[in-house]
Structures are given as structure tokens and as C-alpha cells.
């Protein structure tokens, strides 16, 4: 019995909801899109949904070019029932980046470190894999289910984005899936997506981040302003500085501070450090050794926000110093 076969035995209804994290990125959207096709091939229909918003221009372009139907939870709230079955992709229950929508989260498919506090009827959580799209692609090939050009393109793009073009957190399975998807992939669409990454608002966010950069030893901090749509990109950009090996970028969003963290040092595990640093200031976070994220609830004014950001920096520096000394 394959993973997909096992997953299907845990679905009891003819229709399910596939939920991504609150600000879905290409990997989350591609994973949901691919899973939707897999389920349909086995007689189960589904609706892809998310909360928050799609921040990045290129992510919205992915849905537009490939005709992926994404539903904001607010638009389907009236039809959701407690007995509805929900499959989580690229996210897990209890994480700061996903809401608890109406319905029963029965299945989880993810590539982030497992939150063992929560249980599912079925789970396929592989933190050693660089992208959730890789897991979904593997389902297609191990079950010999045909991959359409649109699905191959979406999954390829999802893998490329989450592994930074196979240069970060990559596993052999990621490489194998990229290779197997190659013949069916539309690389003209990939080219368009990879060259449609910025709009004017993104440049403003980069400008704000650059003007706020602070570096302590090899630890870089930046504030990308309010509602930054490219916070992860800015965090990656910070690592391009020769003086920075660990970057922390924050953006003030509704309800609090969102963080994107990157590390290129094996000794500094981004997921563990962001968890410990944010826990100390009332937030939560986690992720992989190379890339992680988090959220700190906040509802004060600008002066209080500045105080919180200073406390957050101090917490990161303290945790990192303890790691280095330990």
C-alpha cells in the first residue's frame, strides 16, 4: 500500500477541503493543486482554501497562469460544517501560520519539523525533504498517475522556490522529482514566474529593509515595514551581505509581527533559534535549520512596537550567544 492509498482509506466523505497556511507561497499552492488532482483521480473532489492573503506577485501569477482555483476561507465560511474533512498541506495544526478553520483536520502532508502535540488520521510529515511539492510529486510517480503539464509546472516551481533552486535544504528526493517532472514541465511558464517576482510595492519594502539593517557580529536584522509582501525574499537577500550569516527580517502585519529567518551556518539552526527566541517574547515560530519563520502577537502603537522589536533582537542575540557557548 502506497502513502496515497493509505491516505485515501482515511477519507470518509466524497468532498474534502485542502487548507494551506495563511499566506500561501508557491510550494503550498502547488502542493494543494497537485493533491487536488490526485484525489480527483481516485473519485474525491476537493476545494483549496486559505486564510490571510497571497502576498507575492509571482505567487498570484502562478495561480493565474495555471488556472488554480484558490478560495479564501471568508468566502466559503457559510458552507463549512464541523463534520467537513480538512487536509492540511505545507502546514500543521497548532502552528502560528495557520488558522483553525471549521472542520476536522484529518490529514497532514508537510515537510516542516513535526508538531507532535497534534494527531491526525493520517500524516506524511518529512522534514528531511526540501519542499512539500516533492512529496506530492512522489505520490504521482509511485502510483503511476499521469502528470499534466500544468501540475508538473506547478510542482517544479514549488520545489525550486522552497529549495532556492536546489541550493538550500535539498534532499535526493527533491532532485529526483525535479528530474522526473522535467519532460512534462512548461519551462516557459517557469521563466515567466521567475522573472515576474517584483512589483513597485516590493521595491518599497526592500528600500525600508535596507535602510533599517543592523548587523551584530554576523547576525543581521531588518524591518521591512508594514505588510511586506516579500519578507522571505528580503531575508534571503540579507544573506547576500558578506557580513551576514544569519538573517532576521520582520514585518508588522495585522495582529502582530511576522518574521522570516535564514541561516547559512550549520551551528545555528534557524528553526530552533526562532522558536526559543520568540517564545521568550510571547511569540511562536519554527522551521528548518536553514529557513524558518514566526509570529509575535502585538496590538500597540509605534512606540511600543519599537520596544518589542528591540526585545526581540535582544532575545535572538541571547539565544544565539548561548548556542555558540554551548
Protein backbone atom coordinates (compact mmCIF):
# COMPACT_ATOMS: atom_id res chain seq x y z
CA UNK A 1 0.00 0.00 0.00
CA UNK A 2 1.41 3.39 -1.03
CA UNK A 3 1.16 6.56 1.05
CA UNK A 4 -1.63 7.79 -1.23
CA UNK A 5 -3.54 4.51 -0.86
CA UNK A 6 -3.26 4.77 2.91
CA UNK A 7 -4.34 8.42 2.84
CA UNK A 8 -7.45 7.56 0.84
CA UNK A 9 -8.57 4.97 3.39
CA UNK A 10 -8.75 7.78 5.98
CA UNK A 11 -11.15 9.94 3.95
CA UNK A 12 -14.77 9.15 4.69
CA UNK A 13 -16.52 11.80 2.61
CA UNK A 14 -16.81 12.43 -1.14
CA UNK A 15 -15.60 16.01 -0.80
CA UNK A 16 -12.79 17.44 1.33
CA UNK A 17 -11.13 20.81 1.91
CA UNK A 18 -7.41 21.26 1.27
CA UNK A 19 -6.06 24.01 3.51
CA UNK A 20 -2.71 25.76 3.07
CA UNK A 21 -1.04 28.09 5.55
CA UNK A 22 -2.34 31.62 5.92
CA UNK A 23 -0.09 33.34 3.38
CA UNK A 24 0.33 30.57 0.79
CA UNK A 25 3.58 30.52 -1.16
CA UNK A 26 4.24 28.65 -4.44
CA UNK A 27 5.09 25.41 -2.63
CA UNK A 28 1.85 25.45 -0.63
CA UNK A 29 -0.27 26.29 -3.68
CA UNK A 30 1.44 23.73 -5.93
CA UNK A 31 1.09 21.04 -3.26
CA UNK A 32 -2.62 21.74 -2.81
CA UNK A 33 -3.15 21.84 -6.59
CA UNK A 34 -1.35 18.54 -7.11
CA UNK A 35 -3.17 16.86 -4.24
CA UNK A 36 -6.48 18.04 -5.62
CA UNK A 37 -5.73 16.24 -8.91
CA UNK A 38 -4.59 13.08 -7.09
CA UNK A 39 -7.79 12.94 -5.07
CA UNK A 40 -9.95 13.56 -8.13
CA UNK A 41 -8.22 10.66 -9.90
CA UNK A 42 -9.45 8.49 -7.04
CA UNK A 43 -13.01 9.86 -7.01
CA UNK A 44 -12.73 12.50 -4.26
CA UNK A 45 -13.48 16.14 -5.07
CA UNK A 46 -11.94 18.98 -3.11
CA UNK A 47 -11.79 22.72 -2.51
CA UNK A 48 -8.47 24.50 -1.95
CA UNK A 49 -8.69 27.20 0.72
CA UNK A 50 -6.50 29.57 2.71
CA UNK A 51 -6.73 32.46 5.15
CA UNK A 52 -4.69 35.66 5.14
CA UNK A 53 -3.70 36.74 1.65
CA UNK A 54 -1.40 35.90 -1.22
CA UNK A 55 1.43 38.36 -0.71
CA UNK A 56 3.79 37.93 -3.61
CA UNK A 57 3.04 38.99 -7.18
CA UNK A 58 4.70 35.89 -8.64
CA UNK A 59 2.60 33.64 -6.39
CA UNK A 60 -0.62 35.20 -7.62
CA UNK A 61 0.75 34.90 -11.17
CA UNK A 62 1.24 31.15 -10.61
CA UNK A 63 -2.47 30.70 -9.89
CA UNK A 64 -3.43 32.91 -12.81
CA UNK A 65 -1.24 31.23 -15.44
CA UNK A 66 -2.14 27.68 -14.43
CA UNK A 67 -5.80 28.28 -13.63
CA UNK A 68 -5.56 27.18 -10.00
CA UNK A 69 -8.76 27.92 -8.08
CA UNK A 70 -7.97 29.22 -4.60
CA UNK A 71 -10.75 30.10 -2.17
CA UNK A 72 -10.37 32.46 0.75
CA UNK A 73 -11.92 30.92 3.84
CA UNK A 74 -14.09 34.01 4.35
CA UNK A 75 -15.78 33.32 1.00
CA UNK A 76 -16.72 29.74 1.87
CA UNK A 77 -17.36 30.16 5.62
CA UNK A 78 -21.12 29.92 5.18
CA UNK A 79 -20.93 26.39 3.76
CA UNK A 80 -18.34 24.95 6.13
CA UNK A 81 -19.55 22.43 8.72
CA UNK A 82 -17.84 20.89 11.75
CA UNK A 83 -18.10 17.44 10.15
CA UNK A 84 -16.27 18.53 6.99
CA UNK A 85 -12.91 16.84 6.48
CA UNK A 86 -9.81 19.01 6.07
CA UNK A 87 -6.39 18.08 4.70
CA UNK A 88 -3.50 20.35 5.68
CA UNK A 89 -0.66 20.82 3.20
CA UNK A 90 2.63 22.59 3.90
CA UNK A 91 1.38 23.35 7.43
CA UNK A 92 0.41 21.68 10.69
CA UNK A 93 -2.19 22.20 13.39
CA UNK A 94 -1.07 24.50 16.16
CA UNK A 95 1.43 26.44 14.05
CA UNK A 96 1.33 30.22 14.11
CA UNK A 97 0.84 30.45 10.35
CA UNK A 98 -2.47 28.60 10.04
CA UNK A 99 -5.93 29.24 11.45
CA UNK A 100 -8.20 26.59 12.92
CA UNK A 101 -10.96 26.65 10.32
CA UNK A 102 -14.33 24.97 10.72
CA UNK A 103 -13.99 21.25 10.06
CA UNK A 104 -11.94 18.27 11.20
CA UNK A 105 -8.25 18.28 10.23
CA UNK A 106 -7.93 14.58 9.43
CA UNK A 107 -4.75 14.51 7.32
CA UNK A 108 -1.47 16.43 7.26
CA UNK A 109 1.14 16.45 4.48
CA UNK A 110 4.11 18.64 5.31
CA UNK A 111 7.89 18.99 5.18
CA UNK A 112 8.44 21.04 8.34
CA UNK A 113 9.52 19.60 11.70
CA UNK A 114 6.63 17.71 13.27
CA UNK A 115 4.49 19.24 15.98
CA UNK A 116 3.88 16.02 17.91
CA UNK A 117 1.24 17.63 20.11
CA UNK A 118 -1.41 17.10 17.42
CA UNK A 119 -2.73 13.89 15.90
CA UNK A 120 -4.34 13.05 12.54
CA UNK A 121 -5.96 10.01 10.96
CA UNK A 122 -3.06 10.06 8.52
CA UNK A 123 0.13 12.09 8.34
CA UNK A 124 3.06 12.23 5.95
CA UNK A 125 5.50 14.67 7.52
CA UNK A 126 9.03 14.60 6.09
CA UNK A 127 11.23 17.39 7.48
CA UNK A 128 14.22 16.00 5.60
CA UNK A 129 12.57 16.95 2.28
CA UNK A 130 13.05 20.45 0.90
CA UNK A 131 9.53 21.07 -0.40
CA UNK A 132 6.02 19.78 0.18
CA UNK A 133 5.63 19.72 -3.62
CA UNK A 134 8.24 16.97 -3.67
CA UNK A 135 6.04 14.72 -1.53
CA UNK A 136 3.02 15.34 -3.77
CA UNK A 137 5.09 14.67 -6.90
CA UNK A 138 6.26 11.41 -5.37
CA UNK A 139 2.61 10.36 -4.91
CA UNK A 140 2.05 10.78 -8.66
CA UNK A 141 5.02 8.67 -9.69
CA UNK A 142 4.76 5.88 -7.12
CA UNK A 143 1.08 5.43 -8.05
CA UNK A 144 1.69 5.82 -11.80
CA UNK A 145 -0.88 8.62 -12.06
CA UNK A 146 -0.35 10.81 -15.16
CA UNK A 147 1.03 14.28 -14.51
CA UNK A 148 -0.44 17.08 -16.63
CA UNK A 149 1.76 19.89 -17.90
CA UNK A 150 0.16 22.39 -15.52
CA UNK A 151 0.66 20.17 -12.48
CA UNK A 152 4.26 19.35 -13.46
CA UNK A 153 4.94 23.07 -13.89
CA UNK A 154 3.38 24.00 -10.54
CA UNK A 155 5.22 21.26 -8.63
CA UNK A 156 8.53 22.09 -10.30
CA UNK A 157 8.15 25.76 -9.42
CA UNK A 158 7.17 24.88 -5.84
CA UNK A 159 10.27 22.73 -5.40
CA UNK A 160 12.55 25.32 -6.99
CA UNK A 161 11.26 28.15 -4.81
CA UNK A 162 11.38 26.30 -1.48
CA UNK A 163 14.87 24.89 -2.11
CA UNK A 164 16.17 28.12 -3.69
CA UNK A 165 16.75 26.28 -6.98
CA UNK A 166 18.07 23.14 -5.28
CA UNK A 167 20.66 25.06 -3.25
CA UNK A 168 19.05 25.03 0.22
CA UNK A 169 17.70 22.21 2.37
CA UNK A 170 17.58 19.93 -0.65
CA UNK A 171 17.23 16.15 -0.46
CA UNK A 172 17.83 13.42 -3.05
CA UNK A 173 14.05 13.07 -3.42
CA UNK A 174 13.75 16.75 -4.36
CA UNK A 175 16.35 16.26 -7.10
CA UNK A 176 14.72 13.03 -8.30
CA UNK A 177 11.29 14.66 -8.56
CA UNK A 178 12.64 17.68 -10.47
CA UNK A 179 14.27 15.23 -12.89
CA UNK A 180 11.09 13.18 -13.35
CA UNK A 181 8.91 16.26 -13.80
CA UNK A 182 11.25 17.81 -16.39
CA UNK A 183 9.75 16.34 -19.57
CA UNK A 184 6.21 17.37 -18.63
CA UNK A 185 7.06 20.84 -17.30
CA UNK A 186 6.41 24.10 -19.17
CA UNK A 187 9.69 25.93 -18.60
CA UNK A 188 8.42 28.99 -20.46
CA UNK A 189 5.91 29.47 -17.63
CA UNK A 190 8.69 28.85 -15.08
CA UNK A 191 10.75 31.55 -16.81
CA UNK A 192 7.83 34.00 -16.68
CA UNK A 193 7.25 33.28 -12.98
CA UNK A 194 10.91 33.61 -12.05
CA UNK A 195 11.15 36.91 -13.91
CA UNK A 196 7.89 38.34 -12.52
CA UNK A 197 8.94 38.42 -8.90
CA UNK A 198 8.70 42.13 -8.07
CA UNK A 199 6.25 44.98 -8.29
CA UNK A 200 6.69 48.60 -7.15
CA UNK A 201 5.44 47.90 -3.59
CA UNK A 202 8.09 45.20 -3.29
CA UNK A 203 10.82 47.72 -4.10
CA UNK A 204 9.49 49.98 -1.35
CA UNK A 205 9.71 47.04 1.08
CA UNK A 206 13.33 46.37 0.05
CA UNK A 207 14.11 50.05 0.49
CA UNK A 208 12.67 50.09 4.02
CA UNK A 209 14.51 46.92 4.94
CA UNK A 210 17.85 48.17 3.59
CA UNK A 211 17.54 51.47 5.45
CA UNK A 212 16.93 49.62 8.74
CA UNK A 213 19.64 46.94 8.53
CA UNK A 214 21.63 46.30 11.71
CA UNK A 215 24.44 43.74 11.96
CA UNK A 216 25.75 42.35 15.24
CA UNK A 217 28.74 40.12 14.63
CA UNK A 218 27.33 38.03 11.74
CA UNK A 219 23.65 38.38 12.73
CA UNK A 220 21.60 40.70 10.53
CA UNK A 221 18.28 42.32 11.45
CA UNK A 222 15.94 44.34 9.24
CA UNK A 223 12.45 45.82 9.43
CA UNK A 224 10.65 45.52 6.08
CA UNK A 225 7.82 47.84 7.14
CA UNK A 226 4.11 47.17 7.32
CA UNK A 227 2.54 44.29 5.39
CA UNK A 228 5.71 43.43 3.49
CA UNK A 229 4.75 41.11 0.61
CA UNK A 230 8.28 39.75 0.11
CA UNK A 231 9.59 39.24 3.63
CA UNK A 232 11.11 35.84 2.78
CA UNK A 233 12.87 37.30 -0.25
CA UNK A 234 14.28 40.13 1.85
CA UNK A 235 15.57 37.60 4.38
CA UNK A 236 17.30 35.68 1.58
CA UNK A 237 18.66 38.97 0.22
CA UNK A 238 20.22 39.76 3.61
CA UNK A 239 22.39 36.65 3.36
CA UNK A 240 23.97 38.12 0.23
CA UNK A 241 25.84 40.51 2.54
CA UNK A 242 29.27 39.09 3.26
CA UNK A 243 28.93 40.28 6.85
CA UNK A 244 25.69 38.32 7.44
CA UNK A 245 25.35 34.58 8.01
CA UNK A 246 22.08 34.64 9.95
CA UNK A 247 19.25 36.99 8.99
CA UNK A 248 16.10 38.03 10.83
CA UNK A 249 13.55 40.15 8.96
CA UNK A 250 10.27 41.33 10.46
CA UNK A 251 7.13 42.96 9.08
CA UNK A 252 4.24 44.48 11.02
CA UNK A 253 1.02 42.79 9.97
CA UNK A 254 -2.48 42.81 11.39
CA UNK A 255 -2.30 41.36 14.87
CA UNK A 256 1.45 41.26 15.25
CA UNK A 257 4.93 40.86 13.82
CA UNK A 258 5.71 38.29 11.16
CA UNK A 259 9.31 37.07 10.93
CA UNK A 260 11.39 35.35 8.30
CA UNK A 261 14.69 33.82 9.43
CA UNK A 262 17.55 32.38 7.41
CA UNK A 263 20.81 30.70 8.39
CA UNK A 264 23.77 29.51 6.36
CA UNK A 265 25.70 28.27 9.39
CA UNK A 266 25.34 24.61 10.39
CA UNK A 267 25.88 25.56 14.03
CA UNK A 268 22.90 27.95 14.02
CA UNK A 269 19.65 26.04 13.45
CA UNK A 270 17.15 28.69 12.30
CA UNK A 271 14.10 26.65 13.33
CA UNK A 272 15.31 26.01 16.88
CA UNK A 273 16.65 29.52 17.38
CA UNK A 274 13.46 31.28 16.21
CA UNK A 275 11.41 29.01 18.45
CA UNK A 276 13.46 29.79 21.54
CA UNK A 277 13.88 33.50 20.79
CA UNK A 278 10.20 34.17 20.12
CA UNK A 279 8.94 32.05 23.00
CA UNK A 280 10.85 34.41 25.29
CA UNK A 281 8.89 37.43 23.95
CA UNK A 282 5.45 35.82 23.79
CA UNK A 283 5.57 34.62 20.21
CA UNK A 284 5.93 31.33 18.39
CA UNK A 285 7.95 30.02 15.50
CA UNK A 286 9.92 27.20 13.97
CA UNK A 287 11.04 25.61 10.75
CA UNK A 288 14.10 24.09 9.14
CA UNK A 289 17.76 24.55 10.02
CA UNK A 290 18.28 26.86 7.02
CA UNK A 291 14.93 28.69 6.92
CA UNK A 292 12.24 29.39 9.49
CA UNK A 293 9.51 31.82 10.41
CA UNK A 294 7.47 33.05 13.31
CA UNK A 295 4.87 35.43 14.65
CA UNK A 296 4.65 37.67 17.71
CA UNK A 297 1.16 38.91 18.65
CA UNK A 298 1.05 42.69 19.05
CA UNK A 299 -1.62 45.42 19.12
CA UNK A 300 0.16 48.51 20.48
CA UNK A 301 1.30 51.80 18.99
CA UNK A 302 4.51 52.64 17.11
CA UNK A 303 6.50 53.37 20.27
CA UNK A 304 5.51 50.02 21.79
CA UNK A 305 6.33 48.30 18.51
CA UNK A 306 9.86 49.70 18.62
CA UNK A 307 10.25 48.39 22.16
CA UNK A 308 9.02 44.95 21.10
CA UNK A 309 11.46 44.86 18.18
CA UNK A 310 14.36 45.75 20.49
CA UNK A 311 13.35 42.97 22.89
CA UNK A 312 13.09 40.57 20.00
CA UNK A 313 16.59 41.41 18.73
CA UNK A 314 17.98 41.04 22.23
CA UNK A 315 16.27 37.68 22.59
CA UNK A 316 17.73 36.41 19.30
CA UNK A 317 21.22 37.58 20.22
CA UNK A 318 20.98 35.95 23.66
CA UNK A 319 19.79 32.62 22.27
CA UNK A 320 22.47 32.63 19.56
CA UNK A 321 25.18 33.52 22.08
CA UNK A 322 24.05 30.62 24.28
CA UNK A 323 24.20 28.28 21.28
CA UNK A 324 27.73 29.40 20.43
CA UNK A 325 28.90 29.00 24.03
CA UNK A 326 27.18 25.63 24.43
